[in-house]
C-alpha atoms as a PDB file:
ATOM      1  CA  MET A   1      -8.426   2.440  15.478  1.00  0.00           C
ATOM      2  CA  ASN A   2      -8.218   5.980  16.807  1.00  0.00           C
ATOM      3  CA  LEU A   3      -5.608   7.816  14.743  1.00  0.00           C
ATOM      4  CA  HIS A   4      -5.331  10.821  17.054  1.00  0.00           C
ATOM      5  CA  GLY A   5      -2.280  10.119  19.191  1.00  0.00           C
ATOM      6  CA  ALA A   6      -1.252   7.078  17.117  1.00  0.00           C
ATOM      7  CA  THR A   7       2.287   6.562  15.868  1.00  0.00           C
ATOM      8  CA  ALA A   8       2.434   5.528  12.219  1.00  0.00           C
ATOM      9  CA  LEU A   9       5.110   4.399   9.805  1.00  0.00           C
ATOM     10  CA  VAL A  10       4.322   4.932   6.118  1.00  0.00           C
ATOM     11  CA  THR A  11       6.478   3.322   3.438  1.00  0.00           C
ATOM     12  CA  GLY A  12       7.060   5.082   0.131  1.00  0.00           C
ATOM     13  CA  SER A  13       6.382   8.517   1.618  1.00  0.00           C
ATOM     14  CA  ASN A  14       8.301  10.684  -0.814  1.00  0.00           C
ATOM     15  CA  ARG A  15       5.521  10.903  -3.423  1.00  0.00           C
ATOM     16  CA  GLY A  16       2.049   9.849  -4.526  1.00  0.00           C
ATOM     17  CA  ILE A  17      -0.286   8.051  -2.155  1.00  0.00           C
ATOM     18  CA  GLY A  18       2.383   7.680   0.522  1.00  0.00           C
ATOM     19  CA  HIS A  19       2.940  11.435   0.659  1.00  0.00           C
ATOM     20  CA  HIS A  20      -0.780  12.029   1.120  1.00  0.00           C
ATOM     21  CA  PHE A  21      -0.956   9.406   3.881  1.00  0.00           C
ATOM     22  CA  VAL A  22       1.700  11.269   5.838  1.00  0.00           C
ATOM     23  CA  VAL A  23      -0.006  14.636   5.388  1.00  0.00           C
ATOM     24  CA  GLU A  24      -3.437  13.346   6.399  1.00  0.00           C
ATOM     25  CA  LEU A  25      -2.171  11.331   9.365  1.00  0.00           C
ATOM     26  CA  LEU A  26      -0.424  14.416  10.723  1.00  0.00           C
ATOM     27  CA  ALA A  27      -3.638  16.408  10.241  1.00  0.00           C
ATOM     28  CA  ARG A  28      -5.481  13.773  12.293  1.00  0.00           C
ATOM     29  CA  GLY A  29      -3.069  14.082  15.180  1.00  0.00           C
ATOM     30  CA  ALA A  30      -0.708  11.161  14.589  1.00  0.00           C
ATOM     31  CA  LYS A  31       3.054  11.034  14.865  1.00  0.00           C
ATOM     32  CA  VAL A  32       4.446   9.847  11.537  1.00  0.00           C
ATOM     33  CA  TYR A  33       7.661   8.187  10.425  1.00  0.00           C
ATOM     34  CA  ALA A  34       7.800   8.998   6.705  1.00  0.00           C
ATOM     35  CA  SER A  35      10.031   6.372   5.162  1.00  0.00           C
ATOM     36  CA  ALA A  36      11.601   6.261   1.718  1.00  0.00           C
ATOM     37  CA  ARG A  37      14.678   4.865   0.031  1.00  0.00           C
ATOM     38  CA  ARG A  38      15.806   8.478  -0.284  1.00  0.00           C
ATOM     39  CA  PRO A  39      14.511  10.188   2.862  1.00  0.00           C
ATOM     40  CA  GLU A  40      15.984  13.506   1.746  1.00  0.00           C
ATOM     41  CA  LEU A  41      13.128  13.665  -0.774  1.00  0.00           C
ATOM     42  CA  VAL A  42      10.537  13.674   2.030  1.00  0.00           C
ATOM     43  CA  ASN A  43       9.645  17.292   2.681  1.00  0.00           C
ATOM     44  CA  ILE A  44       6.580  17.243   4.916  1.00  0.00           C
ATOM     45  CA  PRO A  45       6.586  19.540   7.963  1.00  0.00           C
ATOM     46  CA  GLY A  46       6.013  17.599  11.172  1.00  0.00           C
ATOM     47  CA  ALA A  47       6.977  14.196   9.756  1.00  0.00           C
ATOM     48  CA  GLU A  48      10.102  12.279  10.777  1.00  0.00           C
ATOM     49  CA  PRO A  49      11.831  11.076   7.595  1.00  0.00           C
ATOM     50  CA  ILE A  50      13.691   7.760   7.807  1.00  0.00           C
ATOM     51  CA  GLY A  51      15.604   5.784   5.210  1.00  0.00           C
ATOM     52  CA  LEU A  52      14.043   2.430   4.364  1.00  0.00           C
ATOM     53  CA  ASP A  53      14.333  -0.075   1.533  1.00  0.00           C
ATOM     54  CA  ILE A  54      11.641  -2.697   2.127  1.00  0.00           C
ATOM     55  CA  THR A  55      13.486  -5.203  -0.083  1.00  0.00           C
ATOM     56  CA  ASP A  56      16.617  -5.021   2.100  1.00  0.00           C
ATOM     57  CA  GLN A  57      16.246  -7.011   5.326  1.00  0.00           C
ATOM     58  CA  ALA A  58      18.976  -5.048   7.115  1.00  0.00           C
ATOM     59  CA  SER A  59      17.184  -1.802   6.266  1.00  0.00           C
ATOM     60  CA  VAL A  60      13.867  -3.212   7.510  1.00  0.00           C
ATOM     61  CA  ASP A  61      15.473  -4.381  10.756  1.00  0.00           C
ATOM     62  CA  ALA A  62      17.076  -0.965  11.315  1.00  0.00           C
ATOM     63  CA  ALA A  63      13.711   0.758  10.821  1.00  0.00           C
ATOM     64  CA  ALA A  64      12.109  -1.558  13.375  1.00  0.00           C
ATOM     65  CA  VAL A  65      14.753  -0.609  15.935  1.00  0.00           C
ATOM     66  CA  LEU A  66      14.369   3.092  15.210  1.00  0.00           C
ATOM     67  CA  ALA A  67      10.556   3.135  15.184  1.00  0.00           C
ATOM     68  CA  GLY A  68       9.801   0.967  18.192  1.00  0.00           C
ATOM     69  CA  ASP A  69       6.801   3.078  19.227  1.00  0.00           C
ATOM     70  CA  VAL A  70       4.770   2.371  16.070  1.00  0.00           C
ATOM     71  CA  ASP A  71       1.181   1.163  16.436  1.00  0.00           C
ATOM     72  CA  LEU A  72       0.142   1.696  12.793  1.00  0.00           C
ATOM     73  CA  LEU A  73       2.044   0.305   9.814  1.00  0.00           C
ATOM     74  CA  ILE A  74       1.014   1.446   6.332  1.00  0.00           C
ATOM     75  CA  ASN A  75       2.601  -0.676   3.612  1.00  0.00           C
ATOM     76  CA  ASN A  76       2.439   1.559   0.563  1.00  0.00           C
ATOM     77  CA  ALA A  77       5.845   1.276  -1.139  1.00  0.00           C
ATOM     78  CA  ALA A  78       5.871  -0.930  -4.220  1.00  0.00           C
ATOM     79  CA  ASP A  79       7.471  -1.384  -7.606  1.00  0.00           C
ATOM     80  CA  THR A  80       4.726  -0.932 -10.206  1.00  0.00           C
ATOM     81  CA  ALA A  81       6.627  -1.417 -13.478  1.00  0.00           C
ATOM     82  CA  GLY A  82       6.816  -5.167 -13.977  1.00  0.00           C
ATOM     83  CA  GLY A  83       5.364  -5.227 -17.489  1.00  0.00           C
ATOM     84  CA  ASN A  84       3.728  -8.314 -18.952  1.00  0.00           C
ATOM     85  CA  LEU A  85       4.431 -11.776 -17.566  1.00  0.00           C
ATOM     86  CA  VAL A  86       5.214 -13.605 -20.818  1.00  0.00           C
ATOM     87  CA  THR A  87       7.130 -10.925 -22.688  1.00  0.00           C
ATOM     88  CA  GLY A  88       8.369  -8.645 -19.907  1.00  0.00           C
ATOM     89  CA  ASP A  89      11.848  -8.462 -18.433  1.00  0.00           C
ATOM     90  CA  MET A  90      12.247 -11.096 -15.703  1.00  0.00           C
ATOM     91  CA  ALA A  91      14.246  -8.725 -13.520  1.00  0.00           C
ATOM     92  CA  GLY A  92      11.352  -6.263 -13.550  1.00  0.00           C
ATOM     93  CA  ILE A  93       8.846  -9.001 -12.823  1.00  0.00           C
ATOM     94  CA  ARG A  94      10.922 -10.235  -9.870  1.00  0.00           C
ATOM     95  CA  SER A  95      11.363  -6.687  -8.561  1.00  0.00           C
ATOM     96  CA  THR A  96       7.617  -6.113  -8.665  1.00  0.00           C
ATOM     97  CA  MET A  97       6.922  -9.300  -6.730  1.00  0.00           C
ATOM     98  CA  ASP A  98       9.807  -8.639  -4.358  1.00  0.00           C
ATOM     99  CA  SER A  99       8.487  -5.256  -3.282  1.00  0.00           C
ATOM    100  CA  ASN A 100       4.750  -5.912  -3.295  1.00  0.00           C
ATOM    101  CA  TYR A 101       4.856  -9.345  -1.671  1.00  0.00           C
ATOM    102  CA  TYR A 102       8.174 -10.068   0.026  1.00  0.00           C
ATOM    103  CA  GLY A 103       8.851  -6.453   0.987  1.00  0.00           C
ATOM    104  CA  THR A 104       5.407  -6.110   2.552  1.00  0.00           C
ATOM    105  CA  LEU A 105       5.869  -9.426   4.333  1.00  0.00           C
ATOM    106  CA  ALA A 106       9.288  -8.397   5.643  1.00  0.00           C
ATOM    107  CA  MET A 107       7.796  -5.227   7.108  1.00  0.00           C
ATOM    108  CA  ILE A 108       4.955  -7.123   8.751  1.00  0.00           C
ATOM    109  CA  ARG A 109       7.262  -9.745  10.239  1.00  0.00           C
ATOM    110  CA  ALA A 110       9.532  -7.036  11.647  1.00  0.00           C
ATOM    111  CA  PHE A 111       6.760  -4.870  13.070  1.00  0.00           C
ATOM    112  CA  ALA A 112       4.240  -7.482  14.274  1.00  0.00           C
ATOM    113  CA  PRO A 113       6.054  -7.905  17.628  1.00  0.00           C
ATOM    114  CA  ILE A 114       6.244  -4.111  17.989  1.00  0.00           C
ATOM    115  CA  LEU A 115       2.514  -3.755  17.347  1.00  0.00           C
ATOM    116  CA  ALA A 116       1.793  -6.500  19.886  1.00  0.00           C
ATOM    117  CA  ARG A 117       3.965  -4.779  22.487  1.00  0.00           C
ATOM    118  CA  ASN A 118       2.201  -1.466  21.821  1.00  0.00           C
ATOM    119  CA  GLY A 119      -1.320  -2.839  22.270  1.00  0.00           C
ATOM    120  CA  GLY A 120      -2.105  -4.469  18.925  1.00  0.00           C
ATOM    121  CA  GLY A 121      -2.458  -1.519  16.609  1.00  0.00           C
ATOM    122  CA  ALA A 122      -3.152  -1.892  12.918  1.00  0.00           C
ATOM    123  CA  ILE A 123      -1.640  -2.691   9.529  1.00  0.00           C
ATOM    124  CA  LEU A 124      -2.947  -1.208   6.286  1.00  0.00           C
ATOM    125  CA  ASN A 125      -1.720  -2.720   3.016  1.00  0.00           C
ATOM    126  CA  VAL A 126      -2.200  -0.638  -0.123  1.00  0.00           C
ATOM    127  CA  LEU A 127      -3.366  -3.029  -2.845  1.00  0.00           C
ATOM    128  CA  SER A 128      -5.104  -2.393  -6.170  1.00  0.00           C
ATOM    129  CA  ALA A 129      -8.263  -3.481  -7.936  1.00  0.00           C
ATOM    130  CA  ALA A 130      -5.816  -5.087 -10.366  1.00  0.00           C
ATOM    131  CA  ALA A 131      -5.487  -7.826  -7.716  1.00  0.00           C
ATOM    132  CA  TRP A 132      -8.990  -9.011  -8.667  1.00  0.00           C
ATOM    133  CA  THR A 133      -8.575  -8.746 -12.447  1.00  0.00           C
ATOM    134  CA  THR A 134      -5.499  -8.065 -14.599  1.00  0.00           C
ATOM    135  CA  VAL A 135      -4.055  -5.253 -16.700  1.00  0.00           C
ATOM    136  CA  ASP A 136      -2.755  -5.691 -20.224  1.00  0.00           C
ATOM    137  CA  GLY A 137       0.692  -4.103 -20.314  1.00  0.00           C
ATOM    138  CA  ASN A 138       1.354  -4.754 -16.628  1.00  0.00           C
ATOM    139  CA  THR A 139       0.084  -8.232 -15.797  1.00  0.00           C
ATOM    140  CA  ALA A 140       3.102  -8.713 -13.503  1.00  0.00           C
ATOM    141  CA  TYR A 141       1.870  -5.920 -11.241  1.00  0.00           C
ATOM    142  CA  ALA A 142      -1.631  -7.412 -11.164  1.00  0.00           C
ATOM    143  CA  ALA A 143      -0.203 -10.814 -10.207  1.00  0.00           C
ATOM    144  CA  ALA A 144       1.922  -9.269  -7.461  1.00  0.00           C
ATOM    145  CA  LYS A 145      -1.092  -7.447  -6.035  1.00  0.00           C
ATOM    146  CA  SER A 146      -3.083 -10.695  -6.118  1.00  0.00           C
ATOM    147  CA  ALA A 147      -0.319 -12.288  -4.061  1.00  0.00           C
ATOM    148  CA  GLU A 148      -0.354  -9.352  -1.647  1.00  0.00           C
ATOM    149  CA  TRP A 149      -4.113  -9.743  -1.210  1.00  0.00           C
ATOM    150  CA  GLY A 150      -3.574 -13.368  -0.188  1.00  0.00           C
ATOM    151  CA  LEU A 151      -0.784 -12.254   2.131  1.00  0.00           C
ATOM    152  CA  THR A 152      -3.093  -9.679   3.739  1.00  0.00           C
ATOM    153  CA  ASN A 153      -5.805 -12.257   4.404  1.00  0.00           C
ATOM    154  CA  GLY A 154      -3.292 -14.698   5.873  1.00  0.00           C
ATOM    155  CA  VAL A 155      -1.664 -12.123   8.122  1.00  0.00           C
ATOM    156  CA  ARG A 156      -5.065 -10.940   9.352  1.00  0.00           C
ATOM    157  CA  LEU A 157      -5.785 -14.470  10.542  1.00  0.00           C
ATOM    158  CA  GLU A 158      -2.379 -14.931  12.153  1.00  0.00           C
ATOM    159  CA  LEU A 159      -2.349 -11.603  14.011  1.00  0.00           C
ATOM    160  CA  ALA A 160      -5.943 -11.643  15.241  1.00  0.00           C
ATOM    161  CA  ALA A 161      -4.904 -13.160  18.565  1.00  0.00           C
ATOM    162  CA  GLN A 162      -2.615 -10.240  19.370  1.00  0.00           C
ATOM    163  CA  GLY A 163      -5.382  -7.737  18.590  1.00  0.00           C
ATOM    164  CA  THR A 164      -3.848  -6.300  15.410  1.00  0.00           C
ATOM    165  CA  GLN A 165      -6.342  -4.923  12.899  1.00  0.00           C
ATOM    166  CA  VAL A 166      -5.229  -5.857   9.362  1.00  0.00           C
ATOM    167  CA  ALA A 167      -6.896  -3.975   6.517  1.00  0.00           C
ATOM    168  CA  ALA A 168      -6.528  -3.774   2.749  1.00  0.00           C
ATOM    169  CA  LEU A 169      -7.011  -0.607   0.735  1.00  0.00           C
ATOM    170  CA  VAL A 170      -8.144  -1.671  -2.746  1.00  0.00           C
ATOM    171  CA  PRO A 171      -8.452   1.311  -5.090  1.00  0.00           C
ATOM    172  CA  GLY A 172      -9.045   1.551  -8.801  1.00  0.00           C
ATOM    173  CA  LEU A 173      -7.413   4.355 -10.780  1.00  0.00           C
ATOM    174  CA  VAL A 174      -5.589   6.842  -8.560  1.00  0.00           C
ATOM    175  CA  GLY A 175      -4.239  10.079  -9.978  1.00  0.00           C
ATOM    176  CA  THR A 176      -0.539   9.605  -9.282  1.00  0.00           C
ATOM    177  CA  GLN A 177       2.309  10.432 -11.634  1.00  0.00           C
ATOM    178  CA  THR A 178       2.973   6.698 -11.945  1.00  0.00           C
ATOM    179  CA  LEU A 179      -0.516   6.147 -13.376  1.00  0.00           C
ATOM    180  CA  TYR A 180      -0.273   9.067 -15.772  1.00  0.00           C
ATOM    181  CA  ASP A 181       3.149   7.941 -16.997  1.00  0.00           C
ATOM    182  CA  PHE A 182       1.764   4.423 -17.652  1.00  0.00           C
ATOM    183  CA  ALA A 183      -1.210   5.889 -19.524  1.00  0.00           C
ATOM    184  CA  GLU A 184       1.032   8.043 -21.683  1.00  0.00           C
ATOM    185  CA  ARG A 185       3.274   5.095 -22.605  1.00  0.00           C
ATOM    186  CA  HIS A 186       0.273   3.002 -23.644  1.00  0.00           C
ATOM    187  CA  GLY A 187      -1.823   5.741 -25.262  1.00  0.00           C
ATOM    188  CA  ILE A 188      -4.612   5.489 -22.682  1.00  0.00           C
ATOM    189  CA  GLU A 189      -7.075   8.304 -22.066  1.00  0.00           C
ATOM    190  CA  PHE A 190      -9.228   8.058 -18.951  1.00  0.00           C
ATOM    191  CA  PRO A 191     -12.909   9.061 -18.980  1.00  0.00           C
ATOM    192  CA  ASP A 192     -13.950  12.031 -16.883  1.00  0.00           C
ATOM    193  CA  GLY A 193     -14.394  11.042 -13.262  1.00  0.00           C
ATOM    194  CA  ALA A 194     -12.607   7.691 -13.601  1.00  0.00           C
ATOM    195  CA  VAL A 195      -9.455   8.709 -11.727  1.00  0.00           C
ATOM    196  CA  MET A 196      -9.624   9.310  -7.983  1.00  0.00           C
ATOM    197  CA  ASP A 197      -7.643  12.097  -6.354  1.00  0.00           C
ATOM    198  CA  PRO A 198      -4.957  10.603  -4.043  1.00  0.00           C
ATOM    199  CA  ALA A 199      -5.911  12.866  -1.155  1.00  0.00           C
ATOM    200  CA  GLU A 200      -9.544  11.754  -1.435  1.00  0.00           C
ATOM    201  CA  LEU A 201      -8.481   8.096  -1.481  1.00  0.00           C
ATOM    202  CA  VAL A 202      -6.344   8.536   1.627  1.00  0.00           C
ATOM    203  CA  GLY A 203      -9.234  10.166   3.457  1.00  0.00           C
ATOM    204  CA  LEU A 204     -11.424   7.195   2.531  1.00  0.00           C
ATOM    205  CA  ALA A 205      -8.717   4.782   3.703  1.00  0.00           C
ATOM    206  CA  LEU A 206      -8.182   6.403   7.086  1.00  0.00           C
ATOM    207  CA  ASP A 207     -11.915   6.767   7.705  1.00  0.00           C
ATOM    208  CA  GLY A 208     -12.255   3.044   6.989  1.00  0.00           C
ATOM    209  CA  LEU A 209      -9.371   2.197   9.267  1.00  0.00           C
ATOM    210  CA  GLU A 210     -10.904   4.190  12.119  1.00  0.00           C
ATOM    211  CA  ALA A 211     -14.224   2.417  11.492  1.00  0.00           C
ATOM    212  CA  GLY A 212     -12.572  -1.008  11.773  1.00  0.00           C
ATOM    213  CA  GLU A 213     -13.092  -2.066   8.144  1.00  0.00           C
ATOM    214  CA  ILE A 214     -10.920  -4.893   6.816  1.00  0.00           C
ATOM    215  CA  GLU A 215     -11.328  -4.094   3.103  1.00  0.00           C
ATOM    216  CA  ILE A 216     -11.604  -0.454   2.095  1.00  0.00           C
ATOM    217  CA  LEU A 217     -12.780  -0.034  -1.490  1.00  0.00           C
ATOM    218  CA  ASP A 218     -13.326   2.903  -3.790  1.00  0.00           C
ATOM    219  CA  PRO A 219     -16.041   2.527  -6.475  1.00  0.00           C
ATOM    220  CA  MET A 220     -13.733   0.742  -8.946  1.00  0.00           C
ATOM    221  CA  GLY A 221     -12.435  -1.543  -6.216  1.00  0.00           C
ATOM    222  CA  ALA A 222     -15.986  -2.433  -5.210  1.00  0.00           C
ATOM    223  CA  GLN A 223     -16.873  -3.145  -8.844  1.00  0.00           C
ATOM    224  CA  ALA A 224     -13.843  -5.424  -9.275  1.00  0.00           C
ATOM    225  CA  LYS A 225     -14.658  -7.344  -6.070  1.00  0.00           C
ATOM    226  CA  ALA A 226     -18.277  -7.841  -7.153  1.00  0.00           C
ATOM    227  CA  ARG A 227     -17.113  -9.422 -10.416  1.00  0.00           C
ATOM    228  CA  LEU A 228     -14.941 -12.089  -8.812  1.00  0.00           C
ATOM    229  CA  SER A 229     -17.681 -14.684  -9.307  1.00  0.00           C
ATOM    230  CA  GLU A 230     -17.696 -13.982 -13.061  1.00  0.00           C
ATOM    231  CA  PRO A 231     -15.229 -15.418 -15.627  1.00  0.00           C
ATOM    232  CA  PRO A 232     -11.786 -13.758 -15.299  1.00  0.00           C
ATOM    233  CA  GLN A 233     -11.357 -10.679 -17.428  1.00  0.00           C
ATOM    234  CA  ALA A 234      -8.909  -7.872 -18.071  1.00  0.00           C
ATOM    235  CA  TRP A 235      -9.413  -4.499 -16.450  1.00  0.00           C
ATOM    236  CA  ALA A 236     -10.684  -2.176 -19.182  1.00  0.00           C
ATOM    237  CA  LEU A 237      -8.738   1.053 -18.752  1.00  0.00           C
END
């Protein structure tokens, strides 16, 4: 997909990876709707902030009406704090699944007809290498990302006929505040070079999207995918 002249909607644009997607898309010549639950927190020159809660169907429907010229949907927004499946709070576990799986699905269902009308376009879902392993302390998040991977593969099949490119970004450790907060809570120290800069990851993702790739992996993502044929194991942070 050629990003110059494209019209993108990025969810979760007020911080982290979403923020960097908006900045880089603008630099590549795209028009960008930068969505967030609190759009007043989006402060990126050239972007068009819009309010959006992907877990609220009315909010999703309103965004689809407002952004009817979109030909690139980037599903980045997600709850990452589900905790462990057996001992964690069920409300947190449900929230994590609701945003990663049902919220992403709601966005795709709302925007698939728009993408078809605008020539097919593309969808990029931001996953995690945790989808192919698990993470002690946040197994709920890993399970939700596994579900989102299955969703991505299913949607790719269903939307092929309308010419929509469906890709998954599957990174390992990305240097967002969310990651560093999790590491601090659990006493984790990352080795030098293990954490990827968000801006670098976004550049990799958009290069892959323009090249037509369907799974875009950083080194940790590639390592996790290669180990899928081995016995299941936890992700050693």
